Every structure is written in C-alpha cells, then in structure tokens.
C-alpha atoms as a PDB file:
ATOM      1  CA  MET A   1       0.003  -0.089  -0.059  1.00  0.00           C
ATOM      2  CA  ARG A   2       1.820   3.442  -1.086  1.00  0.00           C
ATOM      3  CA  LYS A   3       0.857   6.560   0.189  1.00  0.00           C
ATOM      4  CA  TYR A   4       1.436   9.883  -1.544  1.00  0.00           C
ATOM      5  CA  LEU A   5       1.291  13.261  -0.535  1.00  0.00           C
ATOM      6  CA  PHE A   6       0.491  15.838  -3.557  1.00  0.00           C
ATOM      7  CA  ILE A   7       1.514  19.370  -3.363  1.00  0.00           C
ATOM      8  CA  PHE A   8       0.241  21.900  -5.289  1.00  0.00           C
ATOM      9  CA  PHE A   9      -0.474  25.768  -5.441  1.00  0.00           C
ATOM     10  CA  ILE A  10      -3.426  27.402  -4.228  1.00  0.00           C
ATOM     11  CA  PHE A  11      -4.304  30.917  -3.340  1.00  0.00           C
ATOM     12  CA  PRO A  12      -4.940  31.665   0.312  1.00  0.00           C
ATOM     13  CA  ALA A  13      -8.040  33.379  -0.427  1.00  0.00           C
ATOM     14  CA  VAL A  14      -9.759  30.134  -1.483  1.00  0.00           C
ATOM     15  CA  CYS A  15      -8.818  28.481   1.701  1.00  0.00           C
ATOM     16  CA  PHE A  16     -11.396  28.654   4.542  1.00  0.00           C
ATOM     17  CA  SER A  17      -9.979  25.719   6.618  1.00  0.00           C
ATOM     18  CA  GLU A  18      -7.215  25.806   9.127  1.00  0.00           C
ATOM     19  CA  THR A  19      -5.245  24.005   6.886  1.00  0.00           C
ATOM     20  CA  SER A  20      -5.054  23.431   3.086  1.00  0.00           C
ATOM     21  CA  LEU A  21      -4.450  19.899   3.565  1.00  0.00           C
ATOM     22  CA  TRP A  22      -6.927  17.154   2.840  1.00  0.00           C
ATOM     23  CA  LYS A  23      -7.024  13.279   3.521  1.00  0.00           C
ATOM     24  CA  ILE A  24      -8.565  11.197   1.245  1.00  0.00           C
ATOM     25  CA  SER A  25      -8.905   7.376   2.285  1.00  0.00           C
ATOM     26  CA  LYS A  26     -10.808   4.252   0.700  1.00  0.00           C
ATOM     27  CA  ASN A  27      -9.754   0.320   1.518  1.00  0.00           C
ATOM     28  CA  GLY A  28      -6.809   1.354   3.521  1.00  0.00           C
ATOM     29  CA  ASN A  29      -5.049   3.313   1.128  1.00  0.00           C
ATOM     30  CA  GLU A  30      -4.296   7.154   1.864  1.00  0.00           C
ATOM     31  CA  LEU A  31      -3.792  10.194  -0.296  1.00  0.00           C
ATOM     32  CA  TYR A  32      -3.255  13.591   1.044  1.00  0.00           C
ATOM     33  CA  LEU A  33      -3.769  16.728  -1.040  1.00  0.00           C
ATOM     34  CA  GLY A  34      -1.930  19.747   0.016  1.00  0.00           C
ATOM     35  CA  GLY A  35      -2.654  23.418  -1.293  1.00  0.00           C
ATOM     36  CA  THR A  36       0.131  25.556  -0.981  1.00  0.00           C
ATOM     37  CA  ILE A  37       1.351  29.150  -1.650  1.00  0.00           C
ATOM     38  CA  HIS A  38       4.942  29.470  -2.984  1.00  0.00           C
ATOM     39  CA  VAL A  39       6.315  32.243  -0.489  1.00  0.00           C
ATOM     40  CA  LEU A  40       5.129  32.812   3.209  1.00  0.00           C
ATOM     41  CA  LYS A  41       6.211  35.031   5.899  1.00  0.00           C
ATOM     42  CA  LYS A  42       8.704  33.804   8.289  1.00  0.00           C
ATOM     43  CA  GLU A  43       6.097  33.877  10.907  1.00  0.00           C
ATOM     44  CA  ASP A  44       3.894  31.351   9.054  1.00  0.00           C
ATOM     45  CA  TYR A  45       6.337  28.488  10.260  1.00  0.00           C
ATOM     46  CA  PRO A  46       6.329  26.292  11.978  1.00  0.00           C
ATOM     47  CA  LEU A  47       3.517  24.886   9.595  1.00  0.00           C
ATOM     48  CA  PRO A  48       0.292  23.175  10.562  1.00  0.00           C
ATOM     49  CA  VAL A  49       1.030  19.857  12.484  1.00  0.00           C
ATOM     50  CA  GLU A  50      -1.154  18.023   9.881  1.00  0.00           C
ATOM     51  CA  PHE A  51       1.598  18.737   7.191  1.00  0.00           C
ATOM     52  CA  SER A  52       4.335  17.156   9.147  1.00  0.00           C
ATOM     53  CA  LYS A  53       2.029  14.257   9.830  1.00  0.00           C
ATOM     54  CA  ALA A  54       1.112  13.776   6.403  1.00  0.00           C
ATOM     55  CA  PHE A  55       4.806  13.977   5.350  1.00  0.00           C
ATOM     56  CA  LYS A  56       5.871  11.306   7.696  1.00  0.00           C
ATOM     57  CA  LYS A  57       3.055   8.927   6.746  1.00  0.00           C
ATOM     58  CA  SER A  58       3.618   9.533   2.955  1.00  0.00           C
ATOM     59  CA  ASP A  59       6.083   7.120   0.856  1.00  0.00           C
ATOM     60  CA  LYS A  60       6.238   9.774  -1.925  1.00  0.00           C
ATOM     61  CA  LEU A  61       5.367  13.325  -2.469  1.00  0.00           C
ATOM     62  CA  VAL A  62       4.281  14.539  -5.826  1.00  0.00           C
ATOM     63  CA  PHE A  63       4.800  18.233  -6.752  1.00  0.00           C
ATOM     64  CA  GLU A  64       2.544  20.351  -9.252  1.00  0.00           C
ATOM     65  CA  THR A  65       5.826  21.352 -11.220  1.00  0.00           C
ATOM     66  CA  ASN A  66       9.722  20.380 -10.844  1.00  0.00           C
ATOM     67  CA  VAL A  67      11.017  22.515  -8.011  1.00  0.00           C
ATOM     68  CA  GLU A  68      14.648  22.138  -9.021  1.00  0.00           C
ATOM     69  CA  MET A  69      13.864  22.794 -12.567  1.00  0.00           C
ATOM     70  CA  THR A  70      12.336  25.891 -11.824  1.00  0.00           C
ATOM     71  CA  LYS A  71      15.714  27.368 -10.467  1.00  0.00           C
ATOM     72  CA  THR A  72      17.678  26.434 -13.825  1.00  0.00           C
ATOM     73  CA  PRO A  73      18.902  29.219 -16.106  1.00  0.00           C
ATOM     74  CA  GLU A  74      17.280  27.221 -18.934  1.00  0.00           C
ATOM     75  CA  PHE A  75      13.820  27.436 -17.330  1.00  0.00           C
ATOM     76  CA  SER A  76      14.350  31.448 -16.685  1.00  0.00           C
ATOM     77  CA  GLN A  77      15.406  31.790 -20.520  1.00  0.00           C
ATOM     78  CA  LYS A  78      12.072  29.811 -21.634  1.00  0.00           C
ATOM     79  CA  MET A  79       9.888  31.908 -19.252  1.00  0.00           C
ATOM     80  CA  THR A  80      11.343  35.151 -20.334  1.00  0.00           C
ATOM     81  CA  HIS A  81      10.778  34.229 -24.107  1.00  0.00           C
ATOM     82  CA  MET A  82       7.383  32.931 -23.528  1.00  0.00           C
ATOM     83  CA  LEU A  83       6.465  36.156 -21.550  1.00  0.00           C
ATOM     84  CA  THR A  84       8.110  38.789 -23.410  1.00  0.00           C
ATOM     85  CA  PHE A  85       6.657  40.321 -26.946  1.00  0.00           C
ATOM     86  CA  PRO A  86       8.723  39.749 -30.138  1.00  0.00           C
ATOM     87  CA  ALA A  87      10.595  42.696 -31.519  1.00  0.00           C
ATOM     88  CA  GLY A  88       8.256  45.132 -32.778  1.00  0.00           C
ATOM     89  CA  LYS A  89       5.287  44.289 -30.166  1.00  0.00           C
ATOM     90  CA  SER A  90       4.962  46.282 -26.922  1.00  0.00           C
ATOM     91  CA  LEU A  91       2.809  46.122 -23.952  1.00  0.00           C
ATOM     92  CA  LYS A  92       0.656  49.171 -25.473  1.00  0.00           C
ATOM     93  CA  ASP A  93      -0.407  46.831 -28.205  1.00  0.00           C
ATOM     94  CA  ALA A  94      -1.871  44.300 -25.980  1.00  0.00           C
ATOM     95  CA  ILE A  95      -3.885  46.423 -23.383  1.00  0.00           C
ATOM     96  CA  SER A  96      -6.264  49.391 -23.227  1.00  0.00           C
ATOM     97  CA  ASN A  97      -5.028  52.687 -23.072  1.00  0.00           C
ATOM     98  CA  LYS A  98      -7.266  53.059 -19.650  1.00  0.00           C
ATOM     99  CA  THR A  99      -5.388  49.759 -18.444  1.00  0.00           C
ATOM    100  CA  PHE A 100      -2.139  51.128 -19.351  1.00  0.00           C
ATOM    101  CA  ASN A 101      -2.472  54.119 -17.432  1.00  0.00           C
ATOM    102  CA  ASN A 102      -3.498  52.527 -14.531  1.00  0.00           C
ATOM    103  CA  LEU A 103      -0.425  50.343 -14.579  1.00  0.00           C
ATOM    104  CA  LYS A 104       1.566  53.345 -15.044  1.00  0.00           C
ATOM    105  CA  LYS A 105       0.154  55.097 -11.931  1.00  0.00           C
ATOM    106  CA  TYR A 106       0.450  51.840  -9.858  1.00  0.00           C
ATOM    107  CA  LEU A 107       4.097  51.434 -10.938  1.00  0.00           C
ATOM    108  CA  ALA A 108       4.880  55.359 -10.602  1.00  0.00           C
ATOM    109  CA  GLU A 109       3.504  54.696  -6.840  1.00  0.00           C
ATOM    110  CA  ARG A 110       6.334  52.179  -6.479  1.00  0.00           C
ATOM    111  CA  ASN A 111       8.987  54.248  -8.247  1.00  0.00           C
ATOM    112  CA  ILE A 112       8.897  51.760 -11.303  1.00  0.00           C
ATOM    113  CA  PRO A 113       9.517  53.159 -14.556  1.00  0.00           C
ATOM    114  CA  VAL A 114       6.632  51.937 -16.779  1.00  0.00           C
ATOM    115  CA  GLU A 115       9.464  51.441 -19.569  1.00  0.00           C
ATOM    116  CA  SER A 116      10.667  48.565 -17.850  1.00  0.00           C
ATOM    117  CA  PHE A 117       7.675  46.851 -18.616  1.00  0.00           C
ATOM    118  CA  LEU A 118       6.835  47.271 -21.923  1.00  0.00           C
ATOM    119  CA  SER A 119       8.404  44.415 -23.708  1.00  0.00           C
ATOM    120  CA  PHE A 120       6.594  42.201 -21.563  1.00  0.00           C
ATOM    121  CA  LYS A 121       3.334  40.348 -21.923  1.00  0.00           C
ATOM    122  CA  PRO A 122       0.309  41.281 -19.558  1.00  0.00           C
ATOM    123  CA  SER A 123       0.798  37.480 -18.024  1.00  0.00           C
ATOM    124  CA  MET A 124       4.272  38.610 -16.832  1.00  0.00           C
ATOM    125  CA  ILE A 125       3.080  41.985 -15.595  1.00  0.00           C
ATOM    126  CA  VAL A 126       0.330  40.179 -13.411  1.00  0.00           C
ATOM    127  CA  LEU A 127       3.343  37.865 -11.950  1.00  0.00           C
ATOM    128  CA  VAL A 128       5.303  40.933 -11.231  1.00  0.00           C
ATOM    129  CA  ILE A 129       2.572  42.823  -9.572  1.00  0.00           C
ATOM    130  CA  THR A 130       1.919  39.582  -7.525  1.00  0.00           C
ATOM    131  CA  VAL A 131       5.346  39.361  -6.315  1.00  0.00           C
ATOM    132  CA  ILE A 132       5.619  43.154  -5.500  1.00  0.00           C
ATOM    133  CA  GLU A 133       2.231  42.593  -3.345  1.00  0.00           C
ATOM    134  CA  LEU A 134       3.367  39.540  -1.765  1.00  0.00           C
ATOM    135  CA  GLN A 135       6.517  40.922  -0.578  1.00  0.00           C
ATOM    136  CA  LYS A 136       4.776  43.892   0.423  1.00  0.00           C
ATOM    137  CA  MET A 137       2.790  41.818   2.763  1.00  0.00           C
ATOM    138  CA  GLY A 138       5.926  40.375   4.081  1.00  0.00           C
ATOM    139  CA  MET A 139       5.779  37.097   2.068  1.00  0.00           C
ATOM    140  CA  VAL A 140       9.569  36.599   1.474  1.00  0.00           C
ATOM    141  CA  ASP A 141      10.445  33.115   2.754  1.00  0.00           C
ATOM    142  CA  ILE A 142      10.329  29.874   0.702  1.00  0.00           C
ATOM    143  CA  GLY A 143       6.839  28.167   0.686  1.00  0.00           C
ATOM    144  CA  VAL A 144       5.201  24.984   1.686  1.00  0.00           C
ATOM    145  CA  ASP A 145       6.130  23.325  -1.734  1.00  0.00           C
ATOM    146  CA  GLU A 146      10.072  24.167  -1.758  1.00  0.00           C
ATOM    147  CA  TYR A 147      10.051  23.619   2.029  1.00  0.00           C
ATOM    148  CA  PHE A 148       8.791  20.211   1.468  1.00  0.00           C
ATOM    149  CA  HIS A 149      10.559  19.482  -1.633  1.00  0.00           C
ATOM    150  CA  ASN A 150      13.724  20.190   0.141  1.00  0.00           C
ATOM    151  CA  LYS A 151      12.612  17.350   3.091  1.00  0.00           C
ATOM    152  CA  ALA A 152      11.465  15.069   0.442  1.00  0.00           C
ATOM    153  CA  LYS A 153      14.847  15.169  -1.512  1.00  0.00           C
ATOM    154  CA  GLN A 154      16.796  14.629   1.837  1.00  0.00           C
ATOM    155  CA  ALA A 155      14.277  11.661   2.864  1.00  0.00           C
ATOM    156  CA  GLY A 156      14.314  10.016  -0.807  1.00  0.00           C
ATOM    157  CA  LYS A 157      10.427  10.788  -1.194  1.00  0.00           C
ATOM    158  CA  ILE A 158      10.486  12.564  -4.539  1.00  0.00           C
ATOM    159  CA  ALA A 159       8.038  10.741  -6.710  1.00  0.00           C
ATOM    160  CA  GLU A 160       9.567  10.149 -10.057  1.00  0.00           C
END
C-alpha cells in the first residue's frame, strides 16, 4: 500500500479551513492533497502539524511542478521568451489605454518606470505585480512546496 502527498499551488483566499491539507482514504489507502502558496512569511512557520504528519505517513511526494527545474537558467530563459513580446510589439499593443494608464500609475507609486515593462506580456505583468504585493505583505520566505521538496529530497521521497 503506497501513500502519497500531492503538493499543489492554491491561493490562500480560497482556503477557508485551518489548513489546506486534505486526506482521502479508501480501503486502507490514503492520499493527502496539500494546497500551498509559493512564498510565506517567516512567522507562518512552523507549518500546521497536519503537514508534518502527512509527510511522515507518505511514501512519496508529488509536486505540481519540478521545483529544482524552476531554478535553472534554461527555465528562466524559456519563461522570459514566453512572457515577452517579439521585436516590434509592446505591452501598449496588448492592453487598453485605460489599463496602461492604471498600470503606469501603479508603478509610479512604487517608483518603478513603466518603460521597464513595455516588452512584457500582460501575464508577466500580473506575475510581477503579484510578487510586489506579496513582498509588501511580508511574504519573502520559501513556500510550503519548496520546504517539503527539500525535506522529501533528503528523505528520498520525491516521486519520479
């Protein structure tokens, strides 16, 4: 009987229980689903004890993404290529003037020149704004996924 802990990303606003960890069991088999966020505040640690219990009971951990791969230069290059416009196109071509002006105002309030963002697609802008706001909230430490990836790697529990 194998037991797995699946770690996936979830926005904290959609999680109304004390933890974002669920146990599914049938015929003596157990599966744990852990919803996570990729960054946390230092004071969010230690994590709820349910996560540690699920980790100990699990034979393998399965992550929504390959955590190690996301830290490689190749991944960064691929993401940058996917999230930037080809030569001759700009953010101004992809969003309305009203949205562009709102973005410009938002960035100016944070002393960030909008020109730095003209080559980025809207999805990249969303990612950058999300990171800015999470940092403003004090979310700077590693998240649950990276925390348990590191533990699983040391324990030999990464699912292949």
